[in-house]
Amino acid sequence: MGTSAVILFKSGESVEINILLPRLNELCNRKGLFHSHDLKKIDETEKLKYCEFCISDVPMKDSYDRQLCFGIADEPYPYKLVNFDWDSSEEDYFKTVVSGDFDGNEDILFKFLFAFLNEFPVAKVWIEEDWFYTLEDLKKIKASYNNSWCYMSPKDII
């Protein structure tokens, strides 16, 4: 099992999936990322509740190794509400966007997350450690990009 990146919004403040998907399509188009979405799940009222969204910096058919896929959920959704013992805010967060393993695609992940947080600056990114990345953290990372950025605490980034 690999490492995942999670885009979090405070519980009750996430972006509705029907609004988020078109914005992600636009975001990827602006950033030159190829993208597709599939595996849709709808609820009993025919409302979209979950889908898979994949991105790549090369055409999808050209390389499976450069694809990064995310599960996108609409709040509420089972098992997507979390809080963290190490987070002093004691907030509950909704896991709106969750990546698959991104090993080898840290650069694509950064490009996507940086664009996402520029679009939705109240979101935070959690990558299975005891810290979050904010838009301000990603700006610091971009200024002196290192492909190992996602394995370092924002406190250690100069």
Protein backbone atom coordinates (compact mmCIF):
# COMPACT_ATOMS: atom_id res chain seq x y z
CA MET A 1 0.00 0.00 0.00
CA GLY A 2 1.35 3.42 -0.95
CA THR A 3 0.96 6.92 0.36
CA SER A 4 -2.15 8.97 -0.31
CA ALA A 5 -2.78 12.70 -0.34
CA VAL A 6 -6.05 13.96 1.08
CA ILE A 7 -7.68 17.33 0.44
CA LEU A 8 -9.67 18.31 3.49
CA PHE A 9 -12.34 20.89 4.16
CA LYS A 10 -13.75 21.64 7.58
CA SER A 11 -16.84 19.54 8.10
CA GLY A 12 -19.84 21.28 6.59
CA GLU A 13 -17.69 23.53 4.39
CA SER A 14 -16.70 21.20 1.56
CA VAL A 15 -17.53 22.03 -2.05
CA GLU A 16 -20.48 20.13 -3.52
CA ILE A 17 -19.28 17.54 -6.02
CA ASN A 18 -21.52 18.89 -8.81
CA ILE A 19 -19.73 22.24 -8.44
CA LEU A 20 -16.30 20.74 -7.83
CA LEU A 21 -16.10 18.52 -10.92
CA PRO A 22 -16.55 21.28 -13.53
CA ARG A 23 -14.09 23.45 -11.62
CA LEU A 24 -11.54 20.61 -11.62
CA ASN A 25 -12.01 20.16 -15.37
CA GLU A 26 -11.34 23.90 -15.88
CA LEU A 27 -8.39 23.84 -13.49
CA CYS A 28 -6.77 20.92 -15.33
CA ASN A 29 -7.37 22.55 -18.72
CA ARG A 30 -5.67 25.76 -17.51
CA LYS A 31 -2.70 23.83 -16.10
CA GLY A 32 -2.23 21.59 -19.14
CA LEU A 33 -3.20 18.41 -17.31
CA PHE A 34 -5.06 15.63 -19.09
CA HIS A 35 -8.03 14.41 -17.09
CA SER A 36 -11.00 12.08 -17.02
CA HIS A 37 -13.62 11.00 -14.54
CA ASP A 38 -15.53 7.77 -14.14
CA LEU A 39 -16.87 5.27 -11.60
CA LYS A 40 -19.74 7.47 -10.53
CA LYS A 41 -21.95 6.58 -7.58
CA ILE A 42 -25.31 8.24 -7.13
CA ASP A 43 -27.69 8.14 -4.19
CA GLU A 44 -31.37 7.18 -4.13
CA THR A 45 -32.34 10.70 -5.28
CA GLU A 46 -30.04 10.44 -8.33
CA LYS A 47 -27.57 12.91 -6.80
CA LEU A 48 -23.90 12.32 -7.57
CA LYS A 49 -22.11 11.30 -4.36
CA TYR A 50 -18.73 9.95 -5.53
CA CYS A 51 -16.57 9.66 -8.61
CA GLU A 52 -13.01 8.88 -9.62
CA PHE A 53 -11.03 11.71 -11.23
CA CYS A 54 -7.72 10.96 -12.93
CA ILE A 55 -5.04 13.37 -14.11
CA SER A 56 -1.81 13.09 -16.07
CA ASP A 57 0.77 15.34 -17.65
CA VAL A 58 0.76 13.17 -20.78
CA PRO A 59 -2.21 11.79 -22.73
CA MET A 60 -3.85 9.05 -20.65
CA LYS A 61 -3.36 6.39 -23.30
CA ASP A 62 0.38 7.13 -23.53
CA SER A 63 1.42 6.20 -20.00
CA TYR A 64 -0.33 4.60 -17.07
CA ASP A 65 2.74 5.39 -14.95
CA ARG A 66 2.06 9.14 -15.14
CA GLN A 67 -1.57 8.93 -14.07
CA LEU A 68 -2.75 9.99 -10.66
CA CYS A 69 -6.30 9.12 -9.64
CA PHE A 70 -8.43 10.66 -6.92
CA GLY A 71 -11.67 9.63 -5.29
CA ILE A 72 -13.98 12.63 -4.89
CA ALA A 73 -16.84 12.45 -2.43
CA ASP A 74 -19.81 14.67 -1.70
CA GLU A 75 -20.44 15.49 1.95
CA PRO A 76 -21.84 13.62 3.79
CA TYR A 77 -20.30 10.33 2.74
CA PRO A 78 -19.56 7.25 4.87
CA TYR A 79 -16.16 7.10 6.58
CA LYS A 80 -14.96 10.43 5.17
CA LEU A 81 -15.21 12.50 8.36
CA VAL A 82 -11.94 12.64 10.34
CA ASN A 83 -10.17 14.50 13.10
CA PHE A 84 -6.59 14.29 14.25
CA ASP A 85 -5.17 13.94 17.78
CA TRP A 86 -2.23 16.15 16.84
CA ASP A 87 -4.41 18.98 15.44
CA SER A 88 -4.90 21.54 18.18
CA SER A 89 -7.95 23.03 16.43
CA GLU A 90 -9.97 19.90 17.27
CA GLU A 91 -11.87 20.39 14.01
CA ASP A 92 -13.66 17.64 12.13
CA TYR A 93 -12.63 17.49 8.47
CA PHE A 94 -14.28 15.98 5.43
CA LYS A 95 -12.00 14.02 3.09
CA THR A 96 -13.29 15.57 -0.12
CA VAL A 97 -10.52 14.41 -2.48
CA VAL A 98 -8.29 11.39 -1.82
CA SER A 99 -5.47 10.32 -4.12
CA GLY A 100 -4.28 6.86 -4.83
CA ASP A 101 -0.59 6.10 -4.32
CA PHE A 102 1.40 8.93 -5.88
CA ASP A 103 4.91 7.41 -5.66
CA GLY A 104 6.88 8.57 -8.70
CA ASN A 105 4.33 11.29 -9.47
CA GLU A 106 5.10 13.79 -6.71
CA ASP A 107 5.52 16.52 -9.32
CA ILE A 108 2.06 15.96 -10.82
CA LEU A 109 0.58 15.81 -7.32
CA PHE A 110 2.18 19.13 -6.42
CA LYS A 111 1.00 20.81 -9.62
CA PHE A 112 -2.56 19.63 -8.99
CA LEU A 113 -2.61 20.48 -5.27
CA PHE A 114 -1.08 23.90 -5.81
CA ALA A 115 -3.73 24.72 -8.42
CA PHE A 116 -6.49 23.25 -6.23
CA LEU A 117 -5.53 25.25 -3.14
CA ASN A 118 -5.24 28.40 -5.24
CA GLU A 119 -8.82 27.75 -6.32
CA PHE A 120 -10.01 26.71 -2.83
CA PRO A 121 -7.61 28.35 -0.33
CA VAL A 122 -9.54 27.20 2.76
CA ALA A 123 -8.72 23.57 1.96
CA LYS A 124 -5.82 21.75 3.58
CA VAL A 125 -3.74 18.83 2.37
CA TRP A 126 -2.89 15.90 4.61
CA ILE A 127 -0.36 13.29 3.49
CA GLU A 128 -0.53 10.65 6.23
CA GLU A 129 1.75 12.49 8.67
CA ASP A 130 1.18 14.74 11.68
CA TRP A 131 0.80 17.94 9.69
CA PHE A 132 -1.23 19.72 7.04
CA TYR A 133 -0.08 21.69 4.03
CA THR A 134 -1.82 25.00 3.39
CA LEU A 135 -1.69 27.23 0.34
CA GLU A 136 1.02 29.30 2.05
CA ASP A 137 3.08 26.13 2.61
CA LEU A 138 2.72 25.15 -1.04
CA LYS A 139 3.85 28.61 -2.12
CA LYS A 140 7.06 28.15 -0.08
CA ILE A 141 7.56 24.71 -1.59
CA LYS A 142 7.09 26.07 -5.12
CA ALA A 143 9.74 28.74 -4.51
CA SER A 144 12.40 26.05 -3.96
CA TYR A 145 10.76 22.92 -5.37
CA ASN A 146 12.11 19.59 -4.19
CA ASN A 147 10.47 16.38 -5.41
CA SER A 148 10.52 15.08 -1.82
CA TRP A 149 8.35 17.97 -0.64
CA CYS A 150 5.47 15.71 0.38
CA TYR A 151 7.61 13.77 2.84
CA MET A 152 8.75 16.89 4.74
CA SER A 153 6.95 18.84 7.41
CA PRO A 154 6.00 22.37 6.32
CA LYS A 155 7.98 23.56 9.36
CA ASP A 156 11.14 22.20 7.73
CA ILE A 157 10.62 23.98 4.42
CA ILE A 158 12.55 27.20 4.14
